[in-house]
Amino acid sequence: MLSTRMRCPEVIARNGRFRIGQVVRHRLFPFRGVVFDVDPSFSNTDEWWLSIPEEIRPHKDQPFYHLLAENEDATYIAYVSEQNLLPDESGEPIRHPQVAEVFGKFCDGNYALRLHRPH
């Protein structure tokens, strides 16, 4: 007999503590987002890295996450070190307009990755 219980999407782990499709929040600043890509180590410009105040500048030798992010005022793309992320425990979906282009179903703080993006 088939179960009628809804199953949550499986999320994909790639070289880090957090998974593609997982909703996370920043440890220091008031924003959260959903992971859509992971770099195994820093992969942005030195100019970007040096623009972060030295006292909170992360180490480069850790995973960095690409997020579809939001705060109270806006949605945007964020690039955040693993040390500055925590799991988001709100259970709320992300309102970023590109979420529907990349992800499908939302369940238990995770999104299922779309296998085919709409054209």
PDB file of N, CA and C in Angstrom:
ATOM      1  N   MET A   1       0.839  -1.179   0.000  1.00  0.00           N
ATOM      2  CA  MET A   1       0.000   0.000   0.000  1.00  0.00           C
ATOM      3  C   MET A   1       0.887   1.247   0.000  1.00  0.00           C
ATOM      4  N   LEU A   2       0.539   2.214  -0.825  1.00  0.00           N
ATOM      5  CA  LEU A   2       1.307   3.447  -0.918  1.00  0.00           C
ATOM      6  C   LEU A   2       0.987   4.369   0.249  1.00  0.00           C
ATOM      7  N   SER A   3       2.015   5.016   0.751  1.00  0.00           N
ATOM      8  CA  SER A   3       1.834   5.972   1.838  1.00  0.00           C
ATOM      9  C   SER A   3       1.298   7.282   1.273  1.00  0.00           C
ATOM     10  N   THR A   4       0.357   7.894   1.977  1.00  0.00           N
ATOM     11  CA  THR A   4      -0.167   9.193   1.553  1.00  0.00           C
ATOM     12  C   THR A   4       0.586  10.325   2.230  1.00  0.00           C
ATOM     13  N   ARG A   5       1.525   9.985   3.092  1.00  0.00           N
ATOM     14  CA  ARG A   5       2.307  11.004   3.801  1.00  0.00           C
ATOM     15  C   ARG A   5       3.261  11.696   2.831  1.00  0.00           C
ATOM     16  N   MET A   6       3.323  13.032   2.890  1.00  0.00           N
ATOM     17  CA  MET A   6       4.231  13.787   2.026  1.00  0.00           C
ATOM     18  C   MET A   6       5.662  13.542   2.459  1.00  0.00           C
ATOM     19  N   ARG A   7       6.545  13.366   1.497  1.00  0.00           N
ATOM     20  CA  ARG A   7       7.960  13.194   1.791  1.00  0.00           C
ATOM     21  C   ARG A   7       8.686  14.482   1.465  1.00  0.00           C
ATOM     22  N   CYS A   8       9.649  14.815   2.313  1.00  0.00           N
ATOM     23  CA  CYS A   8      10.434  16.024   2.107  1.00  0.00           C
ATOM     24  C   CYS A   8      11.475  15.782   1.028  1.00  0.00           C
ATOM     25  N   PRO A   9      11.903  16.854   0.348  1.00  0.00           N
ATOM     26  CA  PRO A   9      12.901  16.685  -0.699  1.00  0.00           C
ATOM     27  C   PRO A   9      14.250  16.281  -0.120  1.00  0.00           C
ATOM     28  N   GLU A  10      14.985  15.508  -0.914  1.00  0.00           N
ATOM     29  CA  GLU A  10      16.361  15.207  -0.551  1.00  0.00           C
ATOM     30  C   GLU A  10      17.210  16.382  -0.949  1.00  0.00           C
ATOM     31  N   VAL A  11      18.165  16.751  -0.116  1.00  0.00           N
ATOM     32  CA  VAL A  11      19.047  17.855  -0.446  1.00  0.00           C
ATOM     33  C   VAL A  11      20.415  17.304  -0.796  1.00  0.00           C
ATOM     34  N   ILE A  12      21.161  18.050  -1.567  1.00  0.00           N
ATOM     35  CA  ILE A  12      22.439  17.597  -2.093  1.00  0.00           C
ATOM     36  C   ILE A  12      23.582  18.231  -1.322  1.00  0.00           C
ATOM     37  N   ALA A  13      24.484  17.411  -0.796  1.00  0.00           N
ATOM     38  CA  ALA A  13      25.665  17.925  -0.099  1.00  0.00           C
ATOM     39  C   ALA A  13      26.806  18.052  -1.099  1.00  0.00           C
ATOM     40  N   ARG A  14      27.539  19.165  -1.008  1.00  0.00           N
ATOM     41  CA  ARG A  14      28.695  19.380  -1.879  1.00  0.00           C
ATOM     42  C   ARG A  14      29.810  20.048  -1.096  1.00  0.00           C
ATOM     43  N   ASN A  15      30.714  19.273  -0.563  1.00  0.00           N
ATOM     44  CA  ASN A  15      31.939  19.815   0.033  1.00  0.00           C
ATOM     45  C   ASN A  15      31.725  20.794   1.175  1.00  0.00           C
ATOM     46  N   GLY A  16      30.772  20.585   2.019  1.00  0.00           N
ATOM     47  CA  GLY A  16      30.594  21.522   3.107  1.00  0.00           C
ATOM     48  C   GLY A  16      29.581  21.055   4.131  1.00  0.00           C
ATOM     49  N   ARG A  17      29.430  21.867   5.146  1.00  0.00           N
ATOM     50  CA  ARG A  17      28.502  21.576   6.239  1.00  0.00           C
ATOM     51  C   ARG A  17      27.048  21.751   5.808  1.00  0.00           C
ATOM     52  N   PHE A  18      26.805  22.703   4.905  1.00  0.00           N
ATOM     53  CA  PHE A  18      25.446  22.985   4.453  1.00  0.00           C
ATOM     54  C   PHE A  18      25.249  22.428   3.053  1.00  0.00           C
ATOM     55  N   ARG A  19      23.984  22.186   2.706  1.00  0.00           N
ATOM     56  CA  ARG A  19      23.647  21.514   1.455  1.00  0.00           C
ATOM     57  C   ARG A  19      22.905  22.444   0.499  1.00  0.00           C
ATOM     58  N   ILE A  20      23.033  22.143  -0.764  1.00  0.00           N
ATOM     59  CA  ILE A  20      22.242  22.866  -1.757  1.00  0.00           C
ATOM     60  C   ILE A  20      20.769  22.623  -1.444  1.00  0.00           C
ATOM     61  N   GLY A  21      20.017  23.717  -1.366  1.00  0.00           N
ATOM     62  CA  GLY A  21      18.602  23.639  -1.020  1.00  0.00           C
ATOM     63  C   GLY A  21      18.313  23.910   0.446  1.00  0.00           C
ATOM     64  N   GLN A  22      19.350  23.958   1.280  1.00  0.00           N
ATOM     65  CA  GLN A  22      19.152  24.199   2.709  1.00  0.00           C
ATOM     66  C   GLN A  22      18.998  25.694   2.987  1.00  0.00           C
ATOM     67  N   VAL A  23      18.060  26.044   3.864  1.00  0.00           N
ATOM     68  CA  VAL A  23      17.878  27.431   4.285  1.00  0.00           C
ATOM     69  C   VAL A  23      18.789  27.679   5.494  1.00  0.00           C
ATOM     70  N   VAL A  24      19.562  28.760   5.401  1.00  0.00           N
ATOM     71  CA  VAL A  24      20.545  29.107   6.425  1.00  0.00           C
ATOM     72  C   VAL A  24      20.372  30.579   6.804  1.00  0.00           C
ATOM     73  N   ARG A  25      21.035  30.965   7.897  1.00  0.00           N
ATOM     74  CA  ARG A  25      21.034  32.376   8.294  1.00  0.00           C
ATOM     75  C   ARG A  25      22.464  32.785   8.619  1.00  0.00           C
ATOM     76  N   HIS A  26      22.721  34.080   8.526  1.00  0.00           N
ATOM     77  CA  HIS A  26      24.055  34.593   8.833  1.00  0.00           C
ATOM     78  C   HIS A  26      24.231  34.659  10.342  1.00  0.00           C
ATOM     79  N   ARG A  27      25.415  34.335  10.799  1.00  0.00           N
ATOM     80  CA  ARG A  27      25.731  34.312  12.225  1.00  0.00           C
ATOM     81  C   ARG A  27      25.773  35.718  12.828  1.00  0.00           C
ATOM     82  N   LEU A  28      26.204  36.716  12.050  1.00  0.00           N
ATOM     83  CA  LEU A  28      26.389  38.070  12.574  1.00  0.00           C
ATOM     84  C   LEU A  28      25.364  39.084  12.082  1.00  0.00           C
ATOM     85  N   PHE A  29      24.923  38.936  10.850  1.00  0.00           N
ATOM     86  CA  PHE A  29      24.056  39.941  10.228  1.00  0.00           C
ATOM     87  C   PHE A  29      22.649  39.396  10.011  1.00  0.00           C
ATOM     88  N   PRO A  30      21.641  40.286  10.001  1.00  0.00           N
ATOM     89  CA  PRO A  30      20.245  39.847   9.937  1.00  0.00           C
ATOM     90  C   PRO A  30      19.772  39.510   8.518  1.00  0.00           C
ATOM     91  N   PHE A  31      20.304  38.413   7.975  1.00  0.00           N
ATOM     92  CA  PHE A  31      19.769  37.917   6.715  1.00  0.00           C
ATOM     93  C   PHE A  31      19.842  36.407   6.689  1.00  0.00           C
ATOM     94  N   ARG A  32      19.060  35.854   5.789  1.00  0.00           N
ATOM     95  CA  ARG A  32      19.034  34.403   5.601  1.00  0.00           C
ATOM     96  C   ARG A  32      18.881  34.123   4.128  1.00  0.00           C
ATOM     97  N   GLY A  33      19.054  32.868   3.734  1.00  0.00           N
ATOM     98  CA  GLY A  33      18.940  32.533   2.329  1.00  0.00           C
ATOM     99  C   GLY A  33      18.961  31.034   2.122  1.00  0.00           C
ATOM    100  N   VAL A  34      18.815  30.646   0.860  1.00  0.00           N
ATOM    101  CA  VAL A  34      18.883  29.236   0.497  1.00  0.00           C
ATOM    102  C   VAL A  34      20.160  29.020  -0.321  1.00  0.00           C
ATOM    103  N   VAL A  35      20.887  27.949   0.001  1.00  0.00           N
ATOM    104  CA  VAL A  35      22.134  27.618  -0.682  1.00  0.00           C
ATOM    105  C   VAL A  35      21.817  27.114  -2.090  1.00  0.00           C
ATOM    106  N   PHE A  36      22.450  27.757  -3.120  1.00  0.00           N
ATOM    107  CA  PHE A  36      22.277  27.252  -4.484  1.00  0.00           C
ATOM    108  C   PHE A  36      23.581  26.792  -5.114  1.00  0.00           C
ATOM    109  N   ASP A  37      24.713  27.046  -4.461  1.00  0.00           N
ATOM    110  CA  ASP A  37      25.996  26.536  -4.943  1.00  0.00           C
ATOM    111  C   ASP A  37      26.999  26.613  -3.801  1.00  0.00           C
ATOM    112  N   VAL A  38      28.067  25.804  -3.903  1.00  0.00           N
ATOM    113  CA  VAL A  38      29.110  25.756  -2.880  1.00  0.00           C
ATOM    114  C   VAL A  38      30.464  25.750  -3.556  1.00  0.00           C
ATOM    115  N   ASP A  39      31.368  26.621  -3.098  1.00  0.00           N
ATOM    116  CA  ASP A  39      32.775  26.586  -3.503  1.00  0.00           C
ATOM    117  C   ASP A  39      33.548  25.910  -2.372  1.00  0.00           C
ATOM    118  N   PRO A  40      34.387  24.907  -2.662  1.00  0.00           N
ATOM    119  CA  PRO A  40      35.125  24.213  -1.602  1.00  0.00           C
ATOM    120  C   PRO A  40      36.063  25.128  -0.815  1.00  0.00           C
ATOM    121  N   SER A  41      36.493  26.214  -1.447  1.00  0.00           N
ATOM    122  CA  SER A  41      37.280  27.254  -0.770  1.00  0.00           C
ATOM    123  C   SER A  41      36.966  28.578  -1.462  1.00  0.00           C
ATOM    124  N   PHE A  42      37.477  29.662  -0.910  1.00  0.00           N
ATOM    125  CA  PHE A  42      37.195  30.996  -1.429  1.00  0.00           C
ATOM    126  C   PHE A  42      37.454  31.074  -2.933  1.00  0.00           C
ATOM    127  N   SER A  43      36.496  31.609  -3.662  1.00  0.00           N
ATOM    128  CA  SER A  43      36.619  31.703  -5.122  1.00  0.00           C
ATOM    129  C   SER A  43      35.998  33.007  -5.624  1.00  0.00           C
ATOM    130  N   ASN A  44      36.359  34.103  -4.970  1.00  0.00           N
ATOM    131  CA  ASN A  44      35.893  35.424  -5.376  1.00  0.00           C
ATOM    132  C   ASN A  44      37.139  36.287  -5.541  1.00  0.00           C
ATOM    133  N   THR A  45      36.975  37.567  -5.765  1.00  0.00           N
ATOM    134  CA  THR A  45      38.134  38.439  -5.987  1.00  0.00           C
ATOM    135  C   THR A  45      38.777  38.846  -4.660  1.00  0.00           C
ATOM    136  N   ASP A  46      40.065  39.156  -4.713  1.00  0.00           N
ATOM    137  CA  ASP A  46      40.751  39.672  -3.530  1.00  0.00           C
ATOM    138  C   ASP A  46      40.149  41.010  -3.119  1.00  0.00           C
ATOM    139  N   GLU A  47      39.711  41.791  -4.090  1.00  0.00           N
ATOM    140  CA  GLU A  47      39.069  43.076  -3.791  1.00  0.00           C
ATOM    141  C   GLU A  47      37.832  42.861  -2.908  1.00  0.00           C
ATOM    142  N   TRP A  48      37.019  41.856  -3.250  1.00  0.00           N
ATOM    143  CA  TRP A  48      35.830  41.551  -2.463  1.00  0.00           C
ATOM    144  C   TRP A  48      36.240  41.138  -1.050  1.00  0.00           C
ATOM    145  N   TRP A  49      37.211  40.246  -0.936  1.00  0.00           N
ATOM    146  CA  TRP A  49      37.656  39.737   0.364  1.00  0.00           C
ATOM    147  C   TRP A  49      38.221  40.861   1.235  1.00  0.00           C
ATOM    148  N   LEU A  50      39.029  41.732   0.636  1.00  0.00           N
ATOM    149  CA  LEU A  50      39.638  42.831   1.384  1.00  0.00           C
ATOM    150  C   LEU A  50      38.622  43.901   1.790  1.00  0.00           C
ATOM    151  N   SER A  51      37.467  43.923   1.135  1.00  0.00           N
ATOM    152  CA  SER A  51      36.429  44.895   1.498  1.00  0.00           C
ATOM    153  C   SER A  51      35.741  44.535   2.824  1.00  0.00           C
ATOM    154  N   ILE A  52      35.942  43.314   3.301  1.00  0.00           N
ATOM    155  CA  ILE A  52      35.370  42.880   4.583  1.00  0.00           C
ATOM    156  C   ILE A  52      36.273  43.397   5.700  1.00  0.00           C
ATOM    157  N   PRO A  53      35.718  44.038   6.730  1.00  0.00           N
ATOM    158  CA  PRO A  53      36.563  44.518   7.830  1.00  0.00           C
ATOM    159  C   PRO A  53      37.435  43.391   8.394  1.00  0.00           C
ATOM    160  N   GLU A  54      38.695  43.697   8.624  1.00  0.00           N
ATOM    161  CA  GLU A  54      39.667  42.678   9.025  1.00  0.00           C
ATOM    162  C   GLU A  54      39.240  41.884  10.262  1.00  0.00           C
ATOM    163  N   GLU A  55      38.599  42.554  11.217  1.00  0.00           N
ATOM    164  CA  GLU A  55      38.217  41.861  12.451  1.00  0.00           C
ATOM    165  C   GLU A  55      37.135  40.801  12.254  1.00  0.00           C
ATOM    166  N   ILE A  56      36.415  40.853  11.130  1.00  0.00           N
ATOM    167  CA  ILE A  56      35.408  39.813  10.850  1.00  0.00           C
ATOM    168  C   ILE A  56      35.676  39.088   9.531  1.00  0.00           C
ATOM    169  N   ARG A  57      36.811  39.354   8.906  1.00  0.00           N
ATOM    170  CA  ARG A  57      37.150  38.732   7.624  1.00  0.00           C
ATOM    171  C   ARG A  57      37.357  37.229   7.817  1.00  0.00           C
ATOM    172  N   PRO A  58      36.663  36.403   7.033  1.00  0.00           N
ATOM    173  CA  PRO A  58      36.795  34.952   7.186  1.00  0.00           C
ATOM    174  C   PRO A  58      38.086  34.418   6.548  1.00  0.00           C
ATOM    175  N   HIS A  59      38.474  33.229   6.967  1.00  0.00           N
ATOM    176  CA  HIS A  59      39.599  32.540   6.337  1.00  0.00           C
ATOM    177  C   HIS A  59      39.169  32.081   4.947  1.00  0.00           C
ATOM    178  N   LYS A  60      40.099  32.030   4.015  1.00  0.00           N
ATOM    179  CA  LYS A  60      39.786  31.618   2.644  1.00  0.00           C
ATOM    180  C   LYS A  60      39.705  30.100   2.490  1.00  0.00           C
ATOM    181  N   ASP A  61      40.314  29.352   3.405  1.00  0.00           N
ATOM    182  CA  ASP A  61      40.412  27.902   3.257  1.00  0.00           C
ATOM    183  C   ASP A  61      39.247  27.164   3.926  1.00  0.00           C
ATOM    184  N   GLN A  62      38.049  27.504   3.499  1.00  0.00           N
ATOM    185  CA  GLN A  62      36.824  26.872   3.986  1.00  0.00           C
ATOM    186  C   GLN A  62      35.785  26.983   2.879  1.00  0.00           C
ATOM    187  N   PRO A  63      34.722  26.199   2.933  1.00  0.00           N
ATOM    188  CA  PRO A  63      33.674  26.345   1.928  1.00  0.00           C
ATOM    189  C   PRO A  63      33.020  27.728   1.990  1.00  0.00           C
ATOM    190  N   PHE A  64      32.660  28.242   0.817  1.00  0.00           N
ATOM    191  CA  PHE A  64      31.895  29.482   0.684  1.00  0.00           C
ATOM    192  C   PHE A  64      30.617  29.143  -0.076  1.00  0.00           C
ATOM    193  N   TYR A  65      29.520  29.737   0.360  1.00  0.00           N
ATOM    194  CA  TYR A  65      28.196  29.396  -0.144  1.00  0.00           C
ATOM    195  C   TYR A  65      27.579  30.551  -0.924  1.00  0.00           C
ATOM    196  N   HIS A  66      26.962  30.212  -2.036  1.00  0.00           N
ATOM    197  CA  HIS A  66      26.185  31.157  -2.837  1.00  0.00           C
ATOM    198  C   HIS A  66      24.740  31.022  -2.358  1.00  0.00           C
ATOM    199  N   LEU A  67      24.158  32.139  -1.952  1.00  0.00           N
ATOM    200  CA  LEU A  67      22.801  32.126  -1.409  1.00  0.00           C
ATOM    201  C   LEU A  67      21.867  33.022  -2.202  1.00  0.00           C
ATOM    202  N   LEU A  68      20.640  32.584  -2.372  1.00  0.00           N
ATOM    203  CA  LEU A  68      19.550  33.475  -2.739  1.00  0.00           C
ATOM    204  C   LEU A  68      19.082  34.019  -1.400  1.00  0.00           C
ATOM    205  N   ALA A  69      19.443  35.263  -1.119  1.00  0.00           N
ATOM    206  CA  ALA A  69      19.324  35.811   0.232  1.00  0.00           C
ATOM    207  C   ALA A  69      18.232  36.866   0.338  1.00  0.00           C
ATOM    208  N   GLU A  70      17.852  37.119   1.602  1.00  0.00           N
ATOM    209  CA  GLU A  70      16.858  38.141   1.908  1.00  0.00           C
ATOM    210  C   GLU A  70      17.124  38.722   3.288  1.00  0.00           C
ATOM    211  N   ASN A  71      16.764  40.003   3.422  1.00  0.00           N
ATOM    212  CA  ASN A  71      16.681  40.627   4.740  1.00  0.00           C
ATOM    213  C   ASN A  71      15.305  41.293   4.798  1.00  0.00           C
ATOM    214  N   GLU A  72      15.078  42.131   5.765  1.00  0.00           N
ATOM    215  CA  GLU A  72      13.754  42.765   5.881  1.00  0.00           C
ATOM    216  C   GLU A  72      13.409  43.638   4.681  1.00  0.00           C
ATOM    217  N   ASP A  73      14.445  44.206   4.026  1.00  0.00           N
ATOM    218  CA  ASP A  73      14.212  45.199   2.986  1.00  0.00           C
ATOM    219  C   ASP A  73      14.380  44.730   1.546  1.00  0.00           C
ATOM    220  N   ALA A  74      15.174  43.681   1.325  1.00  0.00           N
ATOM    221  CA  ALA A  74      15.536  43.347  -0.052  1.00  0.00           C
ATOM    222  C   ALA A  74      15.868  41.868  -0.212  1.00  0.00           C
ATOM    223  N   THR A  75      15.921  41.456  -1.478  1.00  0.00           N
ATOM    224  CA  THR A  75      16.438  40.134  -1.834  1.00  0.00           C
ATOM    225  C   THR A  75      17.670  40.353  -2.695  1.00  0.00           C
ATOM    226  N   TYR A  76      18.616  39.432  -2.631  1.00  0.00           N
ATOM    227  CA  TYR A  76      19.885  39.597  -3.340  1.00  0.00           C
ATOM    228  C   TYR A  76      20.644  38.276  -3.343  1.00  0.00           C
ATOM    229  N   ILE A  77      21.782  38.243  -4.037  1.00  0.00           N
ATOM    230  CA  ILE A  77      22.687  37.095  -4.034  1.00  0.00           C
ATOM    231  C   ILE A  77      23.788  37.396  -3.015  1.00  0.00           C
ATOM    232  N   ALA A  78      24.069  36.425  -2.151  1.00  0.00           N
ATOM    233  CA  ALA A  78      25.122  36.600  -1.145  1.00  0.00           C
ATOM    234  C   ALA A  78      26.168  35.504  -1.316  1.00  0.00           C
ATOM    235  N   TYR A  79      27.403  35.819  -0.924  1.00  0.00           N
ATOM    236  CA  TYR A  79      28.523  34.868  -0.933  1.00  0.00           C
ATOM    237  C   TYR A  79      29.078  34.858   0.481  1.00  0.00           C
ATOM    238  N   VAL A  80      28.918  33.728   1.189  1.00  0.00           N
ATOM    239  CA  VAL A  80      29.171  33.709   2.633  1.00  0.00           C
ATOM    240  C   VAL A  80      30.038  32.509   3.008  1.00  0.00           C
ATOM    241  N   SER A  81      30.995  32.750   3.915  1.00  0.00           N
ATOM    242  CA  SER A  81      31.860  31.680   4.415  1.00  0.00           C
ATOM    243  C   SER A  81      31.073  30.740   5.329  1.00  0.00           C
ATOM    244  N   GLU A  82      31.521  29.499   5.370  1.00  0.00           N
ATOM    245  CA  GLU A  82      30.863  28.512   6.223  1.00  0.00           C
ATOM    246  C   GLU A  82      30.850  28.941   7.691  1.00  0.00           C
ATOM    247  N   GLN A  83      31.947  29.557   8.162  1.00  0.00           N
ATOM    248  CA  GLN A  83      32.031  29.957   9.574  1.00  0.00           C
ATOM    249  C   GLN A  83      30.982  30.981   9.965  1.00  0.00           C
ATOM    250  N   ASN A  84      30.397  31.670   8.978  1.00  0.00           N
ATOM    251  CA  ASN A  84      29.413  32.706   9.264  1.00  0.00           C
ATOM    252  C   ASN A  84      27.977  32.281   9.022  1.00  0.00           C
ATOM    253  N   LEU A  85      27.764  30.989   8.818  1.00  0.00           N
ATOM    254  CA  LEU A  85      26.403  30.506   8.589  1.00  0.00           C
ATOM    255  C   LEU A  85      25.954  29.556   9.686  1.00  0.00           C
ATOM    256  N   LEU A  86      24.652  29.582   9.928  1.00  0.00           N
ATOM    257  CA  LEU A  86      23.987  28.668  10.853  1.00  0.00           C
ATOM    258  C   LEU A  86      22.730  28.139  10.164  1.00  0.00           C
ATOM    259  N   PRO A  87      22.266  26.963  10.538  1.00  0.00           N
ATOM    260  CA  PRO A  87      20.983  26.507   9.981  1.00  0.00           C
ATOM    261  C   PRO A  87      19.878  27.472  10.389  1.00  0.00           C
ATOM    262  N   ASP A  88      18.957  27.745   9.490  1.00  0.00           N
ATOM    263  CA  ASP A  88      17.808  28.588   9.815  1.00  0.00           C
ATOM    264  C   ASP A  88      16.730  27.678  10.404  1.00  0.00           C
ATOM    265  N   GLU A  89      16.259  28.009  11.576  1.00  0.00           N
ATOM    266  CA  GLU A  89      15.301  27.147  12.266  1.00  0.00           C
ATOM    267  C   GLU A  89      13.881  27.707  12.221  1.00  0.00           C
ATOM    268  N   SER A  90      13.666  28.742  11.400  1.00  0.00           N
ATOM    269  CA  SER A  90      12.339  29.377  11.366  1.00  0.00           C
ATOM    270  C   SER A  90      11.289  28.498  10.697  1.00  0.00           C
ATOM    271  N   GLY A  91      11.713  27.631   9.779  1.00  0.00           N
ATOM    272  CA  GLY A  91      10.752  26.823   9.026  1.00  0.00           C
ATOM    273  C   GLY A  91      10.043  27.590   7.933  1.00  0.00           C
ATOM    274  N   GLU A  92      10.446  28.843   7.716  1.00  0.00           N
ATOM    275  CA  GLU A  92       9.800  29.702   6.720  1.00  0.00           C
ATOM    276  C   GLU A  92      10.530  29.620   5.380  1.00  0.00           C
ATOM    277  N   PRO A  93       9.789  29.660   4.270  1.00  0.00           N
ATOM    278  CA  PRO A  93      10.440  29.687   2.947  1.00  0.00           C
ATOM    279  C   PRO A  93      11.125  31.032   2.695  1.00  0.00           C
ATOM    280  N   ILE A  94      11.969  31.062   1.693  1.00  0.00           N
ATOM    281  CA  ILE A  94      12.669  32.276   1.270  1.00  0.00           C
ATOM    282  C   ILE A  94      11.816  32.970   0.214  1.00  0.00           C
ATOM    283  N   ARG A  95      11.730  34.300   0.265  1.00  0.00           N
ATOM    284  CA  ARG A  95      10.869  35.038  -0.673  1.00  0.00           C
ATOM    285  C   ARG A  95      11.621  35.542  -1.901  1.00  0.00           C
ATOM    286  N   HIS A  96      12.900  35.203  -2.043  1.00  0.00           N
ATOM    287  CA  HIS A  96      13.690  35.657  -3.193  1.00  0.00           C
ATOM    288  C   HIS A  96      12.985  35.238  -4.488  1.00  0.00           C
ATOM    289  N   PRO A  97      12.846  36.147  -5.468  1.00  0.00           N
ATOM    290  CA  PRO A  97      12.091  35.815  -6.685  1.00  0.00           C
ATOM    291  C   PRO A  97      12.722  34.712  -7.538  1.00  0.00           C
ATOM    292  N   GLN A  98      13.998  34.430  -7.382  1.00  0.00           N
ATOM    293  CA  GLN A  98      14.633  33.388  -8.194  1.00  0.00           C
ATOM    294  C   GLN A  98      14.527  31.985  -7.591  1.00  0.00           C
ATOM    295  N   VAL A  99      13.987  31.867  -6.390  1.00  0.00           N
ATOM    296  CA  VAL A  99      13.860  30.548  -5.759  1.00  0.00           C
ATOM    297  C   VAL A  99      13.080  29.593  -6.655  1.00  0.00           C
ATOM    298  N   ALA A 100      11.975  30.041  -7.220  1.00  0.00           N
ATOM    299  CA  ALA A 100      11.137  29.171  -8.054  1.00  0.00           C
ATOM    300  C   ALA A 100      11.838  28.740  -9.343  1.00  0.00           C
ATOM    301  N   GLU A 101      12.837  29.500  -9.794  1.00  0.00           N
ATOM    302  CA  GLU A 101      13.592  29.126 -11.002  1.00  0.00           C
ATOM    303  C   GLU A 101      14.554  27.982 -10.733  1.00  0.00           C
ATOM    304  N   VAL A 102      15.056  27.892  -9.499  1.00  0.00           N
ATOM    305  CA  VAL A 102      16.097  26.924  -9.152  1.00  0.00           C
ATOM    306  C   VAL A 102      15.548  25.734  -8.370  1.00  0.00           C
ATOM    307  N   PHE A 103      14.553  25.998  -7.520  1.00  0.00           N
ATOM    308  CA  PHE A 103      14.070  24.978  -6.595  1.00  0.00           C
ATOM    309  C   PHE A 103      12.588  24.694  -6.782  1.00  0.00           C
ATOM    310  N   GLY A 104      12.192  23.528  -6.288  1.00  0.00           N
ATOM    311  CA  GLY A 104      10.791  23.127  -6.293  1.00  0.00           C
ATOM    312  C   GLY A 104      10.233  23.146  -4.892  1.00  0.00           C
ATOM    313  N   LYS A 105       9.764  22.010  -4.459  1.00  0.00           N
ATOM    314  CA  LYS A 105       9.091  21.841  -3.175  1.00  0.00           C
ATOM    315  C   LYS A 105       9.942  22.286  -1.978  1.00  0.00           C
ATOM    316  N   PHE A 106       9.292  22.919  -0.995  1.00  0.00           N
ATOM    317  CA  PHE A 106       9.930  23.340   0.257  1.00  0.00           C
ATOM    318  C   PHE A 106       9.343  22.516   1.395  1.00  0.00           C
ATOM    319  N   CYS A 107      10.215  21.903   2.208  1.00  0.00           N
ATOM    320  CA  CYS A 107       9.753  21.074   3.312  1.00  0.00           C
ATOM    321  C   CYS A 107      10.834  21.001   4.383  1.00  0.00           C
ATOM    322  N   ASP A 108      10.467  21.218   5.622  1.00  0.00           N
ATOM    323  CA  ASP A 108      11.386  21.105   6.768  1.00  0.00           C
ATOM    324  C   ASP A 108      12.668  21.908   6.595  1.00  0.00           C
ATOM    325  N   GLY A 109      12.556  23.131   6.085  1.00  0.00           N
ATOM    326  CA  GLY A 109      13.726  24.002   5.975  1.00  0.00           C
ATOM    327  C   GLY A 109      14.626  23.719   4.791  1.00  0.00           C
ATOM    328  N   ASN A 110      14.171  22.916   3.846  1.00  0.00           N
ATOM    329  CA  ASN A 110      14.970  22.572   2.664  1.00  0.00           C
ATOM    330  C   ASN A 110      14.126  22.666   1.405  1.00  0.00           C
ATOM    331  N   TYR A 111      14.795  23.016   0.314  1.00  0.00           N
ATOM    332  CA  TYR A 111      14.167  23.026  -1.004  1.00  0.00           C
ATOM    333  C   TYR A 111      14.701  21.862  -1.829  1.00  0.00           C
ATOM    334  N   ALA A 112      13.837  21.307  -2.663  1.00  0.00           N
ATOM    335  CA  ALA A 112      14.266  20.305  -3.634  1.00  0.00           C
ATOM    336  C   ALA A 112      14.785  21.043  -4.858  1.00  0.00           C
ATOM    337  N   LEU A 113      15.918  20.609  -5.369  1.00  0.00           N
ATOM    338  CA  LEU A 113      16.495  21.201  -6.564  1.00  0.00           C
ATOM    339  C   LEU A 113      15.671  20.796  -7.777  1.00  0.00           C
ATOM    340  N   ARG A 114      15.366  21.758  -8.632  1.00  0.00           N
ATOM    341  CA  ARG A 114      14.635  21.433  -9.882  1.00  0.00           C
ATOM    342  C   ARG A 114      15.582  20.689 -10.804  1.00  0.00           C
ATOM    343  N   LEU A 115      15.111  19.613 -11.398  1.00  0.00           N
ATOM    344  CA  LEU A 115      15.940  18.888 -12.346  1.00  0.00           C
ATOM    345  C   LEU A 115      15.991  19.608 -13.678  1.00  0.00           C
ATOM    346  N   HIS A 116      14.904  20.255 -14.044  1.00  0.00           N
ATOM    347  CA  HIS A 116      14.828  21.008 -15.301  1.00  0.00           C
ATOM    348  C   HIS A 116      14.300  22.402 -14.984  1.00  0.00           C
ATOM    349  N   ARG A 117      15.043  23.396 -15.393  1.00  0.00           N
ATOM    350  CA  ARG A 117      14.578  24.780 -15.181  1.00  0.00           C
ATOM    351  C   ARG A 117      13.613  25.160 -16.276  1.00  0.00           C
ATOM    352  N   PRO A 118      12.561  25.913 -15.934  1.00  0.00           N
ATOM    353  CA  PRO A 118      11.628  26.361 -16.966  1.00  0.00           C
ATOM    354  C   PRO A 118      12.319  27.348 -17.916  1.00  0.00           C
ATOM    355  N   HIS A 119      11.897  27.333 -19.178  1.00  0.00           N
ATOM    356  CA  HIS A 119      12.496  28.230 -20.182  1.00  0.00           C
ATOM    357  C   HIS A 119      11.798  29.548 -20.215  1.00  0.00           C
TER     358      HIS A 119
END
